[in-house]
C-alpha atoms as a PDB file:
ATOM      1  CA  UNK A   1     194.091 441.903  34.000  1.00  0.00           C
ATOM      2  CA  UNK A   2     196.920 440.196  35.881  1.00  0.00           C
ATOM      3  CA  UNK A   3     197.012 439.479  39.565  1.00  0.00           C
ATOM      4  CA  UNK A   4     197.424 442.774  41.401  1.00  0.00           C
ATOM      5  CA  UNK A   5     199.770 443.615  44.232  1.00  0.00           C
ATOM      6  CA  UNK A   6     197.431 444.538  47.069  1.00  0.00           C
ATOM      7  CA  UNK A   7     198.289 446.921  49.889  1.00  0.00           C
ATOM      8  CA  UNK A   8     196.170 446.492  53.011  1.00  0.00           C
ATOM      9  CA  UNK A   9     196.514 449.654  55.093  1.00  0.00           C
ATOM     10  CA  UNK A  10     195.718 448.909  58.717  1.00  0.00           C
ATOM     11  CA  UNK A  11     196.202 445.267  57.887  1.00  0.00           C
ATOM     12  CA  UNK A  12     196.622 443.957  61.438  1.00  0.00           C
ATOM     13  CA  UNK A  13     193.194 445.015  62.665  1.00  0.00           C
ATOM     14  CA  UNK A  14     190.019 442.935  62.769  1.00  0.00           C
ATOM     15  CA  UNK A  15     189.003 443.555  59.159  1.00  0.00           C
ATOM     16  CA  UNK A  16     192.503 443.896  57.733  1.00  0.00           C
ATOM     17  CA  UNK A  17     193.583 440.514  59.081  1.00  0.00           C
ATOM     18  CA  UNK A  18     190.576 438.818  57.486  1.00  0.00           C
ATOM     19  CA  UNK A  19     191.143 440.536  54.143  1.00  0.00           C
ATOM     20  CA  UNK A  20     194.813 439.615  54.136  1.00  0.00           C
ATOM     21  CA  UNK A  21     193.973 435.952  54.771  1.00  0.00           C
ATOM     22  CA  UNK A  22     191.343 435.940  52.014  1.00  0.00           C
ATOM     23  CA  UNK A  23     193.653 437.489  49.425  1.00  0.00           C
ATOM     24  CA  UNK A  24     196.732 435.430  50.250  1.00  0.00           C
ATOM     25  CA  UNK A  25     194.582 432.296  50.234  1.00  0.00           C
ATOM     26  CA  UNK A  26     193.814 433.063  46.590  1.00  0.00           C
ATOM     27  CA  UNK A  27     197.483 433.342  45.717  1.00  0.00           C
ATOM     28  CA  UNK A  28     197.543 437.137  45.550  1.00  0.00           C
ATOM     29  CA  UNK A  29     200.515 439.153  46.689  1.00  0.00           C
ATOM     30  CA  UNK A  30     199.521 441.166  49.750  1.00  0.00           C
ATOM     31  CA  UNK A  31     201.572 443.763  51.561  1.00  0.00           C
ATOM     32  CA  UNK A  32     200.411 444.663  55.045  1.00  0.00           C
ATOM     33  CA  UNK A  33     200.953 448.197  56.340  1.00  0.00           C
ATOM     34  CA  UNK A  34     200.195 449.088  59.940  1.00  0.00           C
ATOM     35  CA  UNK A  35     201.459 450.785  63.064  1.00  0.00           C
ATOM     36  CA  UNK A  36     204.095 451.270  64.321  1.00  0.00           C
ATOM     37  CA  UNK A  37     206.123 451.180  61.087  1.00  0.00           C
ATOM     38  CA  UNK A  38     203.310 452.619  58.949  1.00  0.00           C
ATOM     39  CA  UNK A  39     201.171 455.640  59.807  1.00  0.00           C
ATOM     40  CA  UNK A  40     198.346 456.474  57.403  1.00  0.00           C
ATOM     41  CA  UNK A  41     198.672 460.172  58.300  1.00  0.00           C
ATOM     42  CA  UNK A  42     202.344 460.216  57.257  1.00  0.00           C
ATOM     43  CA  UNK A  43     202.598 461.484  53.679  1.00  0.00           C
ATOM     44  CA  UNK A  44     205.829 459.634  52.909  1.00  0.00           C
ATOM     45  CA  UNK A  45     204.473 456.358  54.290  1.00  0.00           C
ATOM     46  CA  UNK A  46     201.406 456.710  52.083  1.00  0.00           C
ATOM     47  CA  UNK A  47     203.475 457.518  49.003  1.00  0.00           C
ATOM     48  CA  UNK A  48     205.605 454.398  49.446  1.00  0.00           C
ATOM     49  CA  UNK A  49     202.546 452.180  49.858  1.00  0.00           C
ATOM     50  CA  UNK A  50     200.889 453.618  46.745  1.00  0.00           C
ATOM     51  CA  UNK A  51     204.065 453.291  44.659  1.00  0.00           C
ATOM     52  CA  UNK A  52     204.536 449.651  45.678  1.00  0.00           C
ATOM     53  CA  UNK A  53     200.969 448.478  44.957  1.00  0.00           C
ATOM     54  CA  UNK A  54     198.299 448.181  42.293  1.00  0.00           C
ATOM     55  CA  UNK A  55     195.299 448.108  44.646  1.00  0.00           C
ATOM     56  CA  UNK A  56     194.993 449.916  47.980  1.00  0.00           C
ATOM     57  CA  UNK A  57     192.531 448.676  50.583  1.00  0.00           C
ATOM     58  CA  UNK A  58     192.240 451.183  53.391  1.00  0.00           C
ATOM     59  CA  UNK A  59     191.326 449.488  56.684  1.00  0.00           C
ATOM     60  CA  UNK A  60     193.227 452.100  58.713  1.00  0.00           C
ATOM     61  CA  UNK A  61     190.724 454.072  60.757  1.00  0.00           C
ATOM     62  CA  UNK A  62     190.005 455.849  64.003  1.00  0.00           C
ATOM     63  CA  UNK A  63     187.148 453.691  65.342  1.00  0.00           C
ATOM     64  CA  UNK A  64     186.593 454.879  68.928  1.00  0.00           C
ATOM     65  CA  UNK A  65     183.119 456.327  68.465  1.00  0.00           C
ATOM     66  CA  UNK A  66     182.930 457.992  71.871  1.00  0.00           C
ATOM     67  CA  UNK A  67     186.597 458.994  71.840  1.00  0.00           C
ATOM     68  CA  UNK A  68     186.088 460.898  68.597  1.00  0.00           C
ATOM     69  CA  UNK A  69     183.920 463.425  70.427  1.00  0.00           C
ATOM     70  CA  UNK A  70     186.934 464.656  72.390  1.00  0.00           C
ATOM     71  CA  UNK A  71     189.568 463.747  69.770  1.00  0.00           C
ATOM     72  CA  UNK A  72     187.749 465.027  66.708  1.00  0.00           C
ATOM     73  CA  UNK A  73     190.887 466.507  65.134  1.00  0.00           C
ATOM     74  CA  UNK A  74     192.645 463.133  65.295  1.00  0.00           C
ATOM     75  CA  UNK A  75     189.585 461.279  63.993  1.00  0.00           C
ATOM     76  CA  UNK A  76     189.298 463.662  61.041  1.00  0.00           C
ATOM     77  CA  UNK A  77     193.017 463.444  60.328  1.00  0.00           C
ATOM     78  CA  UNK A  78     192.891 459.637  60.110  1.00  0.00           C
ATOM     79  CA  UNK A  79     189.406 459.058  58.686  1.00  0.00           C
ATOM     80  CA  UNK A  80     189.233 462.142  56.491  1.00  0.00           C
ATOM     81  CA  UNK A  81     192.388 463.985  55.523  1.00  0.00           C
ATOM     82  CA  UNK A  82     194.558 460.880  55.149  1.00  0.00           C
ATOM     83  CA  UNK A  83     191.948 459.292  52.890  1.00  0.00           C
ATOM     84  CA  UNK A  84     191.880 462.376  50.694  1.00  0.00           C
ATOM     85  CA  UNK A  85     195.654 462.338  50.378  1.00  0.00           C
ATOM     86  CA  UNK A  86     195.604 458.634  49.578  1.00  0.00           C
ATOM     87  CA  UNK A  87     193.132 459.366  46.803  1.00  0.00           C
ATOM     88  CA  UNK A  88     195.301 462.145  45.366  1.00  0.00           C
ATOM     89  CA  UNK A  89     198.358 459.891  45.272  1.00  0.00           C
ATOM     90  CA  UNK A  90     196.341 457.057  43.733  1.00  0.00           C
ATOM     91  CA  UNK A  91     194.957 459.358  41.016  1.00  0.00           C
ATOM     92  CA  UNK A  92     198.423 460.516  39.996  1.00  0.00           C
ATOM     93  CA  UNK A  93     199.637 456.937  39.711  1.00  0.00           C
ATOM     94  CA  UNK A  94     196.496 455.344  38.277  1.00  0.00           C
ATOM     95  CA  UNK A  95     195.790 453.086  41.288  1.00  0.00           C
ATOM     96  CA  UNK A  96     192.404 451.830  42.565  1.00  0.00           C
ATOM     97  CA  UNK A  97     191.354 452.472  46.181  1.00  0.00           C
ATOM     98  CA  UNK A  98     188.815 450.672  48.372  1.00  0.00           C
ATOM     99  CA  UNK A  99     187.609 452.668  51.376  1.00  0.00           C
ATOM    100  CA  UNK A 100     185.422 451.296  54.171  1.00  0.00           C
ATOM    101  CA  UNK A 101     182.757 453.581  55.524  1.00  0.00           C
ATOM    102  CA  UNK A 102     179.932 453.076  57.988  1.00  0.00           C
ATOM    103  CA  UNK A 103     176.256 453.325  58.876  1.00  0.00           C
ATOM    104  CA  UNK A 104     177.292 456.219  61.141  1.00  0.00           C
ATOM    105  CA  UNK A 105     177.246 458.555  58.129  1.00  0.00           C
ATOM    106  CA  UNK A 106     173.433 458.487  58.524  1.00  0.00           C
ATOM    107  CA  UNK A 107     171.355 459.868  61.387  1.00  0.00           C
ATOM    108  CA  UNK A 108     169.300 456.678  61.744  1.00  0.00           C
ATOM    109  CA  UNK A 109     165.949 458.450  61.571  1.00  0.00           C
ATOM    110  CA  UNK A 110     164.572 456.871  58.401  1.00  0.00           C
ATOM    111  CA  UNK A 111     161.775 454.315  58.785  1.00  0.00           C
ATOM    112  CA  UNK A 112     163.228 452.080  56.055  1.00  0.00           C
ATOM    113  CA  UNK A 113     166.632 450.603  55.164  1.00  0.00           C
ATOM    114  CA  UNK A 114     169.185 453.064  53.819  1.00  0.00           C
ATOM    115  CA  UNK A 115     170.151 452.978  50.141  1.00  0.00           C
ATOM    116  CA  UNK A 116     173.387 454.320  48.719  1.00  0.00           C
ATOM    117  CA  UNK A 117     171.749 457.464  47.354  1.00  0.00           C
ATOM    118  CA  UNK A 118     170.222 458.573  50.668  1.00  0.00           C
ATOM    119  CA  UNK A 119     171.629 461.864  51.908  1.00  0.00           C
ATOM    120  CA  UNK A 120     174.144 461.367  54.751  1.00  0.00           C
ATOM    121  CA  UNK A 121     173.578 463.269  57.983  1.00  0.00           C
ATOM    122  CA  UNK A 122     176.031 462.058  60.657  1.00  0.00           C
ATOM    123  CA  UNK A 123     175.174 462.821  64.284  1.00  0.00           C
ATOM    124  CA  UNK A 124     178.599 462.066  65.789  1.00  0.00           C
ATOM    125  CA  UNK A 125     182.159 463.240  65.176  1.00  0.00           C
ATOM    126  CA  UNK A 126     183.071 459.692  64.189  1.00  0.00           C
ATOM    127  CA  UNK A 127     180.348 459.676  61.540  1.00  0.00           C
ATOM    128  CA  UNK A 128     181.384 463.120  60.334  1.00  0.00           C
ATOM    129  CA  UNK A 129     185.008 462.011  59.997  1.00  0.00           C
ATOM    130  CA  UNK A 130     184.045 458.935  57.959  1.00  0.00           C
ATOM    131  CA  UNK A 131     181.807 461.007  55.700  1.00  0.00           C
ATOM    132  CA  UNK A 132     184.699 463.442  55.232  1.00  0.00           C
ATOM    133  CA  UNK A 133     186.789 460.492  54.045  1.00  0.00           C
ATOM    134  CA  UNK A 134     184.125 459.544  51.505  1.00  0.00           C
ATOM    135  CA  UNK A 135     183.893 463.080  50.144  1.00  0.00           C
ATOM    136  CA  UNK A 136     187.623 463.716  50.010  1.00  0.00           C
ATOM    137  CA  UNK A 137     188.202 460.423  48.231  1.00  0.00           C
ATOM    138  CA  UNK A 138     185.558 461.352  45.652  1.00  0.00           C
ATOM    139  CA  UNK A 139     187.039 464.832  45.267  1.00  0.00           C
ATOM    140  CA  UNK A 140     190.504 463.367  44.644  1.00  0.00           C
ATOM    141  CA  UNK A 141     189.336 462.011  41.295  1.00  0.00           C
ATOM    142  CA  UNK A 142     190.968 458.596  41.749  1.00  0.00           C
ATOM    143  CA  UNK A 143     189.416 455.307  40.713  1.00  0.00           C
ATOM    144  CA  UNK A 144     187.752 454.096  43.896  1.00  0.00           C
ATOM    145  CA  UNK A 145     185.010 452.157  45.620  1.00  0.00           C
ATOM    146  CA  UNK A 146     183.365 452.968  48.959  1.00  0.00           C
ATOM    147  CA  UNK A 147     181.923 450.038  50.900  1.00  0.00           C
ATOM    148  CA  UNK A 148     179.715 451.025  53.825  1.00  0.00           C
ATOM    149  CA  UNK A 149     179.568 448.410  56.587  1.00  0.00           C
ATOM    150  CA  UNK A 150     177.704 448.024  59.868  1.00  0.00           C
ATOM    151  CA  UNK A 151     178.024 446.093  63.131  1.00  0.00           C
ATOM    152  CA  UNK A 152     181.112 444.137  62.072  1.00  0.00           C
ATOM    153  CA  UNK A 153     182.647 441.388  64.186  1.00  0.00           C
ATOM    154  CA  UNK A 154     185.560 439.008  63.649  1.00  0.00           C
ATOM    155  CA  UNK A 155     188.429 437.076  65.162  1.00  0.00           C
ATOM    156  CA  UNK A 156     191.022 439.789  65.602  1.00  0.00           C
ATOM    157  CA  UNK A 157     189.630 442.659  67.591  1.00  0.00           C
ATOM    158  CA  UNK A 158     187.062 443.892  70.052  1.00  0.00           C
ATOM    159  CA  UNK A 159     183.508 444.122  68.804  1.00  0.00           C
ATOM    160  CA  UNK A 160     179.936 444.117  70.087  1.00  0.00           C
ATOM    161  CA  UNK A 161     179.950 440.343  70.632  1.00  0.00           C
ATOM    162  CA  UNK A 162     183.211 440.201  72.585  1.00  0.00           C
ATOM    163  CA  UNK A 163     182.157 443.204  74.666  1.00  0.00           C
ATOM    164  CA  UNK A 164     178.877 441.437  75.502  1.00  0.00           C
ATOM    165  CA  UNK A 165     180.728 438.384  76.728  1.00  0.00           C
ATOM    166  CA  UNK A 166     183.135 440.470  78.792  1.00  0.00           C
ATOM    167  CA  UNK A 167     180.229 442.246  80.458  1.00  0.00           C
ATOM    168  CA  UNK A 168     178.547 438.932  81.231  1.00  0.00           C
ATOM    169  CA  UNK A 169     181.782 437.583  82.733  1.00  0.00           C
ATOM    170  CA  UNK A 170     181.762 440.404  85.277  1.00  0.00           C
ATOM    171  CA  UNK A 171     178.480 439.131  86.681  1.00  0.00           C
ATOM    172  CA  UNK A 172     175.234 440.917  87.415  1.00  0.00           C
ATOM    173  CA  UNK A 173     172.582 441.991  84.916  1.00  0.00           C
ATOM    174  CA  UNK A 174     173.582 442.845  81.356  1.00  0.00           C
ATOM    175  CA  UNK A 175     171.616 445.757  79.891  1.00  0.00           C
ATOM    176  CA  UNK A 176     171.443 445.976  76.087  1.00  0.00           C
ATOM    177  CA  UNK A 177     169.585 448.540  74.009  1.00  0.00           C
ATOM    178  CA  UNK A 178     166.536 447.322  72.126  1.00  0.00           C
ATOM    179  CA  UNK A 179     165.978 450.415  69.967  1.00  0.00           C
ATOM    180  CA  UNK A 180     169.096 450.215  67.775  1.00  0.00           C
ATOM    181  CA  UNK A 181     168.400 447.974  64.780  1.00  0.00           C
ATOM    182  CA  UNK A 182     170.828 446.605  62.190  1.00  0.00           C
ATOM    183  CA  UNK A 183     172.598 443.406  61.156  1.00  0.00           C
ATOM    184  CA  UNK A 184     175.715 441.897  62.779  1.00  0.00           C
ATOM    185  CA  UNK A 185     178.099 441.338  59.877  1.00  0.00           C
ATOM    186  CA  UNK A 186     181.067 438.968  59.905  1.00  0.00           C
ATOM    187  CA  UNK A 187     184.383 440.290  58.625  1.00  0.00           C
ATOM    188  CA  UNK A 188     184.801 436.919  56.906  1.00  0.00           C
ATOM    189  CA  UNK A 189     181.765 437.718  54.767  1.00  0.00           C
ATOM    190  CA  UNK A 190     183.115 441.209  54.093  1.00  0.00           C
ATOM    191  CA  UNK A 191     186.388 439.691  52.882  1.00  0.00           C
ATOM    192  CA  UNK A 192     184.550 437.594  50.288  1.00  0.00           C
ATOM    193  CA  UNK A 193     182.730 440.695  49.038  1.00  0.00           C
ATOM    194  CA  UNK A 194     186.027 442.556  48.788  1.00  0.00           C
ATOM    195  CA  UNK A 195     187.367 439.755  46.610  1.00  0.00           C
ATOM    196  CA  UNK A 196     184.650 440.553  44.058  1.00  0.00           C
ATOM    197  CA  UNK A 197     185.253 444.295  44.289  1.00  0.00           C
ATOM    198  CA  UNK A 198     188.995 443.855  43.730  1.00  0.00           C
ATOM    199  CA  UNK A 199     188.565 441.397  40.877  1.00  0.00           C
ATOM    200  CA  UNK A 200     186.193 443.707  39.027  1.00  0.00           C
ATOM    201  CA  UNK A 201     187.571 447.077  40.191  1.00  0.00           C
ATOM    202  CA  UNK A 202     184.030 448.260  40.827  1.00  0.00           C
ATOM    203  CA  UNK A 203     183.497 451.963  41.449  1.00  0.00           C
ATOM    204  CA  UNK A 204     180.976 453.981  43.428  1.00  0.00           C
ATOM    205  CA  UNK A 205     179.273 453.429  46.778  1.00  0.00           C
ATOM    206  CA  UNK A 206     177.925 450.079  47.962  1.00  0.00           C
ATOM    207  CA  UNK A 207     176.175 448.995  51.150  1.00  0.00           C
ATOM    208  CA  UNK A 208     176.937 445.594  52.637  1.00  0.00           C
ATOM    209  CA  UNK A 209     175.530 443.880  55.711  1.00  0.00           C
ATOM    210  CA  UNK A 210     174.322 440.413  56.558  1.00  0.00           C
ATOM    211  CA  UNK A 211     170.733 439.736  55.478  1.00  0.00           C
ATOM    212  CA  UNK A 212     167.914 440.429  57.914  1.00  0.00           C
ATOM    213  CA  UNK A 213     167.693 442.815  60.841  1.00  0.00           C
ATOM    214  CA  UNK A 214     167.648 442.631  64.627  1.00  0.00           C
ATOM    215  CA  UNK A 215     167.940 444.922  67.620  1.00  0.00           C
ATOM    216  CA  UNK A 216     171.132 444.810  69.637  1.00  0.00           C
ATOM    217  CA  UNK A 217     169.131 443.205  72.444  1.00  0.00           C
ATOM    218  CA  UNK A 218     167.933 440.455  70.085  1.00  0.00           C
ATOM    219  CA  UNK A 219     171.514 439.853  68.943  1.00  0.00           C
ATOM    220  CA  UNK A 220     172.616 439.603  72.592  1.00  0.00           C
ATOM    221  CA  UNK A 221     169.838 437.115  73.396  1.00  0.00           C
ATOM    222  CA  UNK A 222     170.817 435.035  70.346  1.00  0.00           C
ATOM    223  CA  UNK A 223     174.470 435.114  71.423  1.00  0.00           C
ATOM    224  CA  UNK A 224     173.917 433.898  74.966  1.00  0.00           C
ATOM    225  CA  UNK A 225     171.387 431.297  73.861  1.00  0.00           C
ATOM    226  CA  UNK A 226     173.908 429.734  71.500  1.00  0.00           C
ATOM    227  CA  UNK A 227     176.681 429.960  74.088  1.00  0.00           C
ATOM    228  CA  UNK A 228     174.302 428.129  76.457  1.00  0.00           C
ATOM    229  CA  UNK A 229     174.801 430.733  79.143  1.00  0.00           C
ATOM    230  CA  UNK A 230     172.200 431.801  81.687  1.00  0.00           C
ATOM    231  CA  UNK A 231     172.566 435.560  81.758  1.00  0.00           C
ATOM    232  CA  UNK A 232     170.386 438.166  83.407  1.00  0.00           C
ATOM    233  CA  UNK A 233     169.858 440.009  80.145  1.00  0.00           C
ATOM    234  CA  UNK A 234     167.669 443.106  80.283  1.00  0.00           C
ATOM    235  CA  UNK A 235     166.462 445.431  77.518  1.00  0.00           C
ATOM    236  CA  UNK A 236     166.875 449.177  77.774  1.00  0.00           C
ATOM    237  CA  UNK A 237     166.654 452.241  75.560  1.00  0.00           C
ATOM    238  CA  UNK A 238     169.553 454.201  74.116  1.00  0.00           C
ATOM    239  CA  UNK A 239     168.415 457.253  76.061  1.00  0.00           C
ATOM    240  CA  UNK A 240     168.715 455.344  79.352  1.00  0.00           C
ATOM    241  CA  UNK A 241     172.507 455.315  79.075  1.00  0.00           C
ATOM    242  CA  UNK A 242     173.757 458.600  77.624  1.00  0.00           C
ATOM    243  CA  UNK A 243     177.150 458.385  75.923  1.00  0.00           C
ATOM    244  CA  UNK A 244     179.453 461.075  74.515  1.00  0.00           C
ATOM    245  CA  UNK A 245     178.530 460.153  70.919  1.00  0.00           C
ATOM    246  CA  UNK A 246     175.013 459.771  69.545  1.00  0.00           C
ATOM    247  CA  UNK A 247     174.224 456.480  67.784  1.00  0.00           C
ATOM    248  CA  UNK A 248     171.910 455.990  64.800  1.00  0.00           C
ATOM    249  CA  UNK A 249     168.871 453.959  65.887  1.00  0.00           C
ATOM    250  CA  UNK A 250     168.227 452.641  62.393  1.00  0.00           C
ATOM    251  CA  UNK A 251     171.350 451.096  60.833  1.00  0.00           C
ATOM    252  CA  UNK A 252     169.506 448.922  58.336  1.00  0.00           C
ATOM    253  CA  UNK A 253     171.039 448.767  54.857  1.00  0.00           C
ATOM    254  CA  UNK A 254     169.384 447.931  51.576  1.00  0.00           C
ATOM    255  CA  UNK A 255     172.041 445.747  49.902  1.00  0.00           C
ATOM    256  CA  UNK A 256     170.453 445.152  46.512  1.00  0.00           C
ATOM    257  CA  UNK A 257     173.205 446.987  44.646  1.00  0.00           C
ATOM    258  CA  UNK A 258     176.043 444.801  45.975  1.00  0.00           C
ATOM    259  CA  UNK A 259     173.875 441.670  45.777  1.00  0.00           C
ATOM    260  CA  UNK A 260     173.518 442.235  42.031  1.00  0.00           C
ATOM    261  CA  UNK A 261     177.269 441.753  41.508  1.00  0.00           C
ATOM    262  CA  UNK A 262     177.881 438.893  43.964  1.00  0.00           C
ATOM    263  CA  UNK A 263     177.913 435.280  42.875  1.00  0.00           C
ATOM    264  CA  UNK A 264     175.786 434.041  45.785  1.00  0.00           C
ATOM    265  CA  UNK A 265     173.003 435.353  48.017  1.00  0.00           C
ATOM    266  CA  UNK A 266     173.948 437.333  51.102  1.00  0.00           C
ATOM    267  CA  UNK A 267     173.559 435.021  54.086  1.00  0.00           C
ATOM    268  CA  UNK A 268     171.225 435.882  56.992  1.00  0.00           C
ATOM    269  CA  UNK A 269     173.057 437.202  60.035  1.00  0.00           C
ATOM    270  CA  UNK A 270     172.240 434.218  62.253  1.00  0.00           C
ATOM    271  CA  UNK A 271     174.356 431.483  60.611  1.00  0.00           C
ATOM    272  CA  UNK A 272     177.686 433.374  60.401  1.00  0.00           C
ATOM    273  CA  UNK A 273     177.231 434.476  64.001  1.00  0.00           C
ATOM    274  CA  UNK A 274     176.589 430.890  65.111  1.00  0.00           C
ATOM    275  CA  UNK A 275     179.799 429.813  63.368  1.00  0.00           C
ATOM    276  CA  UNK A 276     181.717 432.608  65.064  1.00  0.00           C
ATOM    277  CA  UNK A 277     180.339 431.685  68.493  1.00  0.00           C
ATOM    278  CA  UNK A 278     181.307 428.011  68.028  1.00  0.00           C
ATOM    279  CA  UNK A 279     184.972 428.927  67.727  1.00  0.00           C
ATOM    280  CA  UNK A 280     185.152 431.249  70.737  1.00  0.00           C
END
């Protein structure tokens, strides 16, 4: 199998930028598609991207979790319908698609980590739109892989870590929920996993997150400790601060399936986060 031409849809976002750097660093030809010249909901734009590529990595997404409650039609158009159309085009042309999904497809009520075969039950419009994308991609019949991620952070975009720091900069106490549990996962680590998926054209659903688990409060405490900042950090419960969209309390993933195909163990969440904090 020769080196593929890779299309990264939504390639200027936090994850897309990291994936582009990883692929180009390996000498692969990467074509970046993003707003304003590329719109994933535009049928002609999608057709051109599919025709010009061998592999399509879809990072284009509506990611405003709370905003999706009032803009559900837009969220479903981007995260669902566009993904289904991408799959249909890819099937007709024999192309492989990688789609990123999320822990938000689950309700977070299990008392153990989620495996790929657990039944999804999203409790937000955002989660419903991402699950729609999964199902429409499967229904399209194209060759594809779905990689579910959680709590991602990276250099090129807002994320939980940058929002924490911004809140601390405003002064006063910083309240962080201690009943949402998962694993902060670096987009740099995701990019290395994607390299394996692309090389092997794996199919099916995989879960990926950094090893280990922590509450969001524990992640915040770790962050400020390693930034050597004295912050009035206070734990709270999700129910103390109602938001438009419900969040899953348990976002833990069982990653044994993806671990079985990787060449190295999945790193615990602490070390990649320390490296990220050093460069801020």
